[in-house]
């Protein structure tokens, strides 16, 4: 909760507590793994795309469609988005969040704190199929490695796993990642030290 309040204040995401109530406190991987169908029910807003706004949460985004697993945005929809200090705007479509830049570059990201993953130490966790990679604020992959799961960077290292999988949800809907091999990586994606298990 402390991280939510700290980052909401830092990034201006005060609308997050109102978002996706059914997914409150759900695992980032469980929310990110949703594939979505591109139908109106994906956003709950009557359109196939919704923009995340600071004031009103998810709002319909005219000129945006979810087609063949990809966001299609026209020039007017790109111009209407609210971009943050990193030049990123959040769009919900196809069962998950995406960061979009004004030039149209986009990245599906994991869901965390009921919204798109935070940029931490200049990197955000993006979805690469069913795996996770790390991307800079220009939405370029920071290094080529992908992982079955990974946490945000903290003091230049991130804990990642290979071969882990979602466990059984607890009474509050939290889903721990279980099994696999856990280790830490540095900002170049190289193993940094043994992390043991989560």
C-alpha atoms as a PDB file:
ATOM      1  CA  UNK A   1       0.000   0.000   0.000  1.00  0.00           C
ATOM      2  CA  UNK A   2       2.899   2.342   0.791  1.00  0.00           C
ATOM      3  CA  UNK A   3       4.228   1.819  -2.747  1.00  0.00           C
ATOM      4  CA  UNK A   4       0.814   2.601  -4.224  1.00  0.00           C
ATOM      5  CA  UNK A   5       0.529   5.880  -2.336  1.00  0.00           C
ATOM      6  CA  UNK A   6       4.127   6.898  -3.015  1.00  0.00           C
ATOM      7  CA  UNK A   7       3.917   6.185  -6.733  1.00  0.00           C
ATOM      8  CA  UNK A   8       0.436   7.644  -7.116  1.00  0.00           C
ATOM      9  CA  UNK A   9       1.702  10.891  -5.671  1.00  0.00           C
ATOM     10  CA  UNK A  10       4.830  10.795  -7.820  1.00  0.00           C
ATOM     11  CA  UNK A  11       3.110   9.852 -11.065  1.00  0.00           C
ATOM     12  CA  UNK A  12      -0.298  11.504 -10.670  1.00  0.00           C
ATOM     13  CA  UNK A  13      -2.268   8.254 -10.801  1.00  0.00           C
ATOM     14  CA  UNK A  14      -4.863   9.132  -8.188  1.00  0.00           C
ATOM     15  CA  UNK A  15      -7.576   7.324 -10.154  1.00  0.00           C
ATOM     16  CA  UNK A  16      -5.993   3.890  -9.694  1.00  0.00           C
ATOM     17  CA  UNK A  17      -7.893   2.873  -6.552  1.00  0.00           C
ATOM     18  CA  UNK A  18     -11.109   3.179  -8.553  1.00  0.00           C
ATOM     19  CA  UNK A  19      -9.938   0.886 -11.333  1.00  0.00           C
ATOM     20  CA  UNK A  20     -10.668  -2.745 -11.887  1.00  0.00           C
ATOM     21  CA  UNK A  21     -12.254  -3.376  -8.511  1.00  0.00           C
ATOM     22  CA  UNK A  22     -12.749  -7.041  -9.287  1.00  0.00           C
ATOM     23  CA  UNK A  23      -8.998  -7.412  -9.770  1.00  0.00           C
ATOM     24  CA  UNK A  24      -8.054  -5.608  -6.560  1.00  0.00           C
ATOM     25  CA  UNK A  25      -4.760  -6.956  -5.221  1.00  0.00           C
ATOM     26  CA  UNK A  26      -4.625  -9.686  -7.861  1.00  0.00           C
ATOM     27  CA  UNK A  27      -1.253 -10.933  -8.976  1.00  0.00           C
ATOM     28  CA  UNK A  28       0.485  -8.823 -11.626  1.00  0.00           C
ATOM     29  CA  UNK A  29       1.130 -11.970 -13.667  1.00  0.00           C
ATOM     30  CA  UNK A  30      -2.442 -13.191 -13.390  1.00  0.00           C
ATOM     31  CA  UNK A  31      -3.763  -9.847 -14.634  1.00  0.00           C
ATOM     32  CA  UNK A  32      -1.104  -9.532 -17.296  1.00  0.00           C
ATOM     33  CA  UNK A  33      -1.727 -13.005 -18.660  1.00  0.00           C
ATOM     34  CA  UNK A  34      -5.266 -12.140 -19.800  1.00  0.00           C
ATOM     35  CA  UNK A  35      -5.475 -12.345 -23.548  1.00  0.00           C
ATOM     36  CA  UNK A  36      -8.759 -10.542 -24.097  1.00  0.00           C
ATOM     37  CA  UNK A  37     -10.934 -10.819 -27.154  1.00  0.00           C
ATOM     38  CA  UNK A  38     -11.147  -7.230 -28.241  1.00  0.00           C
ATOM     39  CA  UNK A  39     -14.882  -7.118 -27.519  1.00  0.00           C
ATOM     40  CA  UNK A  40     -16.721  -4.328 -25.755  1.00  0.00           C
ATOM     41  CA  UNK A  41     -16.631  -6.279 -22.508  1.00  0.00           C
ATOM     42  CA  UNK A  42     -12.829  -5.996 -22.335  1.00  0.00           C
ATOM     43  CA  UNK A  43     -12.970  -2.406 -21.122  1.00  0.00           C
ATOM     44  CA  UNK A  44     -16.438  -2.155 -19.685  1.00  0.00           C
ATOM     45  CA  UNK A  45     -16.759   1.263 -21.333  1.00  0.00           C
ATOM     46  CA  UNK A  46     -18.712   0.406 -24.501  1.00  0.00           C
ATOM     47  CA  UNK A  47     -15.685   0.660 -26.787  1.00  0.00           C
ATOM     48  CA  UNK A  48     -12.770  -1.622 -27.558  1.00  0.00           C
ATOM     49  CA  UNK A  49     -10.248   0.814 -26.058  1.00  0.00           C
ATOM     50  CA  UNK A  50     -10.214   3.064 -23.006  1.00  0.00           C
ATOM     51  CA  UNK A  51      -7.747   5.736 -21.949  1.00  0.00           C
ATOM     52  CA  UNK A  52      -6.662   5.901 -18.320  1.00  0.00           C
ATOM     53  CA  UNK A  53      -7.172   9.443 -17.090  1.00  0.00           C
ATOM     54  CA  UNK A  54      -6.030  10.939 -13.804  1.00  0.00           C
ATOM     55  CA  UNK A  55      -9.385  12.568 -13.144  1.00  0.00           C
ATOM     56  CA  UNK A  56     -11.925   9.964 -14.286  1.00  0.00           C
ATOM     57  CA  UNK A  57     -10.169   6.598 -14.507  1.00  0.00           C
ATOM     58  CA  UNK A  58     -10.910   4.579 -17.653  1.00  0.00           C
ATOM     59  CA  UNK A  59     -12.737   6.552 -20.345  1.00  0.00           C
ATOM     60  CA  UNK A  60     -13.770   5.522 -23.886  1.00  0.00           C
ATOM     61  CA  UNK A  61     -11.130   6.299 -26.492  1.00  0.00           C
ATOM     62  CA  UNK A  62     -12.719   7.035 -29.888  1.00  0.00           C
ATOM     63  CA  UNK A  63     -10.462   6.294 -32.847  1.00  0.00           C
ATOM     64  CA  UNK A  64      -8.829   3.325 -31.104  1.00  0.00           C
ATOM     65  CA  UNK A  65      -9.441  -0.340 -31.913  1.00  0.00           C
ATOM     66  CA  UNK A  66      -8.024  -3.620 -30.709  1.00  0.00           C
ATOM     67  CA  UNK A  67      -7.270  -5.588 -33.895  1.00  0.00           C
ATOM     68  CA  UNK A  68      -5.313  -8.830 -34.241  1.00  0.00           C
ATOM     69  CA  UNK A  69      -3.636  -8.399 -30.858  1.00  0.00           C
ATOM     70  CA  UNK A  70      -2.533  -4.850 -31.574  1.00  0.00           C
ATOM     71  CA  UNK A  71      -3.779  -1.331 -30.779  1.00  0.00           C
ATOM     72  CA  UNK A  72      -4.820   0.720 -33.796  1.00  0.00           C
ATOM     73  CA  UNK A  73      -5.010   4.431 -32.927  1.00  0.00           C
ATOM     74  CA  UNK A  74      -5.816   7.262 -35.323  1.00  0.00           C
ATOM     75  CA  UNK A  75      -4.115  10.668 -35.123  1.00  0.00           C
ATOM     76  CA  UNK A  76      -7.007  12.216 -33.180  1.00  0.00           C
ATOM     77  CA  UNK A  77      -6.947   9.504 -30.507  1.00  0.00           C
ATOM     78  CA  UNK A  78      -3.169   9.850 -30.112  1.00  0.00           C
ATOM     79  CA  UNK A  79      -3.544  13.627 -29.737  1.00  0.00           C
ATOM     80  CA  UNK A  80      -6.317  13.246 -27.134  1.00  0.00           C
ATOM     81  CA  UNK A  81      -4.269  11.109 -24.726  1.00  0.00           C
ATOM     82  CA  UNK A  82      -2.807  12.503 -21.500  1.00  0.00           C
ATOM     83  CA  UNK A  83       0.943  11.850 -21.560  1.00  0.00           C
ATOM     84  CA  UNK A  84       2.921  11.755 -18.320  1.00  0.00           C
ATOM     85  CA  UNK A  85       6.393  13.153 -17.595  1.00  0.00           C
ATOM     86  CA  UNK A  86       7.931  10.112 -19.335  1.00  0.00           C
ATOM     87  CA  UNK A  87       5.902  10.777 -22.498  1.00  0.00           C
ATOM     88  CA  UNK A  88       3.649   7.773 -21.855  1.00  0.00           C
ATOM     89  CA  UNK A  89      -0.141   7.444 -21.903  1.00  0.00           C
ATOM     90  CA  UNK A  90      -2.012   4.373 -20.636  1.00  0.00           C
ATOM     91  CA  UNK A  91      -4.632   2.613 -22.774  1.00  0.00           C
ATOM     92  CA  UNK A  92      -6.654  -0.440 -21.750  1.00  0.00           C
ATOM     93  CA  UNK A  93      -7.606  -2.857 -24.544  1.00  0.00           C
ATOM     94  CA  UNK A  94      -7.495  -6.554 -25.315  1.00  0.00           C
ATOM     95  CA  UNK A  95      -7.672  -7.498 -21.641  1.00  0.00           C
ATOM     96  CA  UNK A  96      -4.665  -5.479 -20.505  1.00  0.00           C
ATOM     97  CA  UNK A  97      -2.876  -2.152 -20.281  1.00  0.00           C
ATOM     98  CA  UNK A  98      -0.594  -0.676 -22.918  1.00  0.00           C
ATOM     99  CA  UNK A  99       1.720   2.307 -22.822  1.00  0.00           C
ATOM    100  CA  UNK A 100       1.527   4.528 -25.890  1.00  0.00           C
ATOM    101  CA  UNK A 101       3.809   7.367 -26.995  1.00  0.00           C
ATOM    102  CA  UNK A 102       2.680  10.367 -29.061  1.00  0.00           C
ATOM    103  CA  UNK A 103       4.465   8.928 -32.116  1.00  0.00           C
ATOM    104  CA  UNK A 104       2.250   5.813 -31.896  1.00  0.00           C
ATOM    105  CA  UNK A 105       4.865   3.474 -30.431  1.00  0.00           C
ATOM    106  CA  UNK A 106       3.173   1.111 -27.963  1.00  0.00           C
ATOM    107  CA  UNK A 107       3.913  -1.661 -25.499  1.00  0.00           C
ATOM    108  CA  UNK A 108       1.658  -4.096 -23.628  1.00  0.00           C
ATOM    109  CA  UNK A 109       2.651  -3.922 -19.963  1.00  0.00           C
ATOM    110  CA  UNK A 110       1.781  -5.956 -16.908  1.00  0.00           C
ATOM    111  CA  UNK A 111      -0.976  -4.787 -14.597  1.00  0.00           C
ATOM    112  CA  UNK A 112       0.250  -3.649 -11.188  1.00  0.00           C
ATOM    113  CA  UNK A 113      -1.661  -1.766  -8.460  1.00  0.00           C
ATOM    114  CA  UNK A 114      -4.756  -2.009 -10.711  1.00  0.00           C
ATOM    115  CA  UNK A 115      -3.134  -0.047 -13.531  1.00  0.00           C
ATOM    116  CA  UNK A 116      -0.209  -0.217 -15.931  1.00  0.00           C
ATOM    117  CA  UNK A 117       3.141  -1.129 -14.405  1.00  0.00           C
ATOM    118  CA  UNK A 118       5.133   1.778 -13.015  1.00  0.00           C
ATOM    119  CA  UNK A 119       8.340   3.048 -14.565  1.00  0.00           C
ATOM    120  CA  UNK A 120      10.954   2.253 -11.904  1.00  0.00           C
ATOM    121  CA  UNK A 121      14.579   3.285 -12.328  1.00  0.00           C
ATOM    122  CA  UNK A 122      13.767   4.172 -15.941  1.00  0.00           C
ATOM    123  CA  UNK A 123      12.390   0.722 -16.821  1.00  0.00           C
ATOM    124  CA  UNK A 124       8.926  -0.806 -17.092  1.00  0.00           C
ATOM    125  CA  UNK A 125       7.942  -4.479 -17.287  1.00  0.00           C
ATOM    126  CA  UNK A 126       6.427  -5.233 -20.682  1.00  0.00           C
ATOM    127  CA  UNK A 127       4.696  -8.322 -21.959  1.00  0.00           C
ATOM    128  CA  UNK A 128       6.523 -10.344 -24.585  1.00  0.00           C
ATOM    129  CA  UNK A 129       3.995 -13.066 -25.369  1.00  0.00           C
ATOM    130  CA  UNK A 130       3.475 -14.841 -22.050  1.00  0.00           C
ATOM    131  CA  UNK A 131       6.864 -13.679 -20.761  1.00  0.00           C
ATOM    132  CA  UNK A 132       8.153 -10.447 -19.242  1.00  0.00           C
ATOM    133  CA  UNK A 133      10.857  -8.149 -20.549  1.00  0.00           C
ATOM    134  CA  UNK A 134      12.186  -4.794 -19.396  1.00  0.00           C
ATOM    135  CA  UNK A 135      11.728  -1.652 -21.515  1.00  0.00           C
ATOM    136  CA  UNK A 136      12.851   1.971 -21.305  1.00  0.00           C
ATOM    137  CA  UNK A 137      10.511   4.955 -21.512  1.00  0.00           C
ATOM    138  CA  UNK A 138      10.997   5.084 -25.295  1.00  0.00           C
ATOM    139  CA  UNK A 139       9.409   1.580 -25.193  1.00  0.00           C
ATOM    140  CA  UNK A 140      12.602  -0.059 -26.472  1.00  0.00           C
ATOM    141  CA  UNK A 141      13.660  -3.336 -24.886  1.00  0.00           C
ATOM    142  CA  UNK A 142      16.507  -2.581 -22.471  1.00  0.00           C
ATOM    143  CA  UNK A 143      18.178  -5.978 -23.052  1.00  0.00           C
ATOM    144  CA  UNK A 144      17.110  -9.050 -25.031  1.00  0.00           C
ATOM    145  CA  UNK A 145      16.265 -11.390 -22.144  1.00  0.00           C
ATOM    146  CA  UNK A 146      12.720 -12.340 -21.181  1.00  0.00           C
ATOM    147  CA  UNK A 147      11.541 -14.184 -18.073  1.00  0.00           C
ATOM    148  CA  UNK A 148       8.577 -16.160 -16.781  1.00  0.00           C
ATOM    149  CA  UNK A 149       8.211 -13.452 -14.160  1.00  0.00           C
ATOM    150  CA  UNK A 150      10.197 -10.489 -12.890  1.00  0.00           C
ATOM    151  CA  UNK A 151       9.893  -7.797 -10.248  1.00  0.00           C
ATOM    152  CA  UNK A 152      10.680  -4.131 -10.788  1.00  0.00           C
ATOM    153  CA  UNK A 153      14.259  -2.972 -10.433  1.00  0.00           C
ATOM    154  CA  UNK A 154      15.374  -1.851  -6.987  1.00  0.00           C
ATOM    155  CA  UNK A 155      18.838  -0.335  -6.500  1.00  0.00           C
ATOM    156  CA  UNK A 156      19.914  -1.534  -9.941  1.00  0.00           C
ATOM    157  CA  UNK A 157      18.832  -5.169  -9.643  1.00  0.00           C
ATOM    158  CA  UNK A 158      15.595  -7.058 -10.274  1.00  0.00           C
ATOM    159  CA  UNK A 159      14.515 -10.494  -9.079  1.00  0.00           C
ATOM    160  CA  UNK A 160      13.412 -12.749 -11.966  1.00  0.00           C
ATOM    161  CA  UNK A 161      12.495 -16.390 -12.408  1.00  0.00           C
ATOM    162  CA  UNK A 162      12.652 -19.089 -15.032  1.00  0.00           C
ATOM    163  CA  UNK A 163      10.224 -21.984 -14.851  1.00  0.00           C
ATOM    164  CA  UNK A 164       8.005 -20.414 -12.168  1.00  0.00           C
ATOM    165  CA  UNK A 165       4.247 -20.463 -12.481  1.00  0.00           C
ATOM    166  CA  UNK A 166       1.233 -18.903 -10.734  1.00  0.00           C
ATOM    167  CA  UNK A 167       0.246 -20.773  -7.581  1.00  0.00           C
ATOM    168  CA  UNK A 168      -3.161 -21.110  -5.975  1.00  0.00           C
ATOM    169  CA  UNK A 169      -4.909 -17.836  -5.055  1.00  0.00           C
ATOM    170  CA  UNK A 170      -5.228 -17.169  -1.329  1.00  0.00           C
ATOM    171  CA  UNK A 171      -8.410 -15.960   0.389  1.00  0.00           C
ATOM    172  CA  UNK A 172      -7.704 -12.377  -0.736  1.00  0.00           C
ATOM    173  CA  UNK A 173      -6.973 -13.229  -4.376  1.00  0.00           C
ATOM    174  CA  UNK A 174      -3.191 -12.873  -4.079  1.00  0.00           C
ATOM    175  CA  UNK A 175      -1.352 -15.315  -6.309  1.00  0.00           C
ATOM    176  CA  UNK A 176       2.252 -16.165  -5.478  1.00  0.00           C
ATOM    177  CA  UNK A 177       4.673 -17.344  -8.135  1.00  0.00           C
ATOM    178  CA  UNK A 178       5.920 -20.816  -7.240  1.00  0.00           C
ATOM    179  CA  UNK A 179       8.680 -23.133  -8.389  1.00  0.00           C
ATOM    180  CA  UNK A 180      11.341 -22.375 -10.921  1.00  0.00           C
ATOM    181  CA  UNK A 181      14.761 -20.838 -10.466  1.00  0.00           C
ATOM    182  CA  UNK A 182      14.964 -17.351  -8.990  1.00  0.00           C
ATOM    183  CA  UNK A 183      17.941 -15.030  -9.374  1.00  0.00           C
ATOM    184  CA  UNK A 184      18.743 -11.333  -9.665  1.00  0.00           C
ATOM    185  CA  UNK A 185      19.758  -9.478 -12.802  1.00  0.00           C
ATOM    186  CA  UNK A 186      21.504  -6.158 -13.314  1.00  0.00           C
ATOM    187  CA  UNK A 187      20.359  -3.443 -15.712  1.00  0.00           C
ATOM    188  CA  UNK A 188      22.087  -5.198 -18.606  1.00  0.00           C
ATOM    189  CA  UNK A 189      20.124  -8.409 -17.925  1.00  0.00           C
ATOM    190  CA  UNK A 190      23.149 -10.265 -16.532  1.00  0.00           C
ATOM    191  CA  UNK A 191      22.836 -12.470 -13.432  1.00  0.00           C
ATOM    192  CA  UNK A 192      23.821 -10.306 -10.466  1.00  0.00           C
ATOM    193  CA  UNK A 193      23.538 -12.629  -7.460  1.00  0.00           C
ATOM    194  CA  UNK A 194      21.541 -15.563  -6.187  1.00  0.00           C
ATOM    195  CA  UNK A 195      18.143 -14.444  -4.907  1.00  0.00           C
ATOM    196  CA  UNK A 196      16.971 -17.734  -3.417  1.00  0.00           C
ATOM    197  CA  UNK A 197      13.214 -18.112  -3.598  1.00  0.00           C
ATOM    198  CA  UNK A 198      10.626 -15.360  -3.268  1.00  0.00           C
END
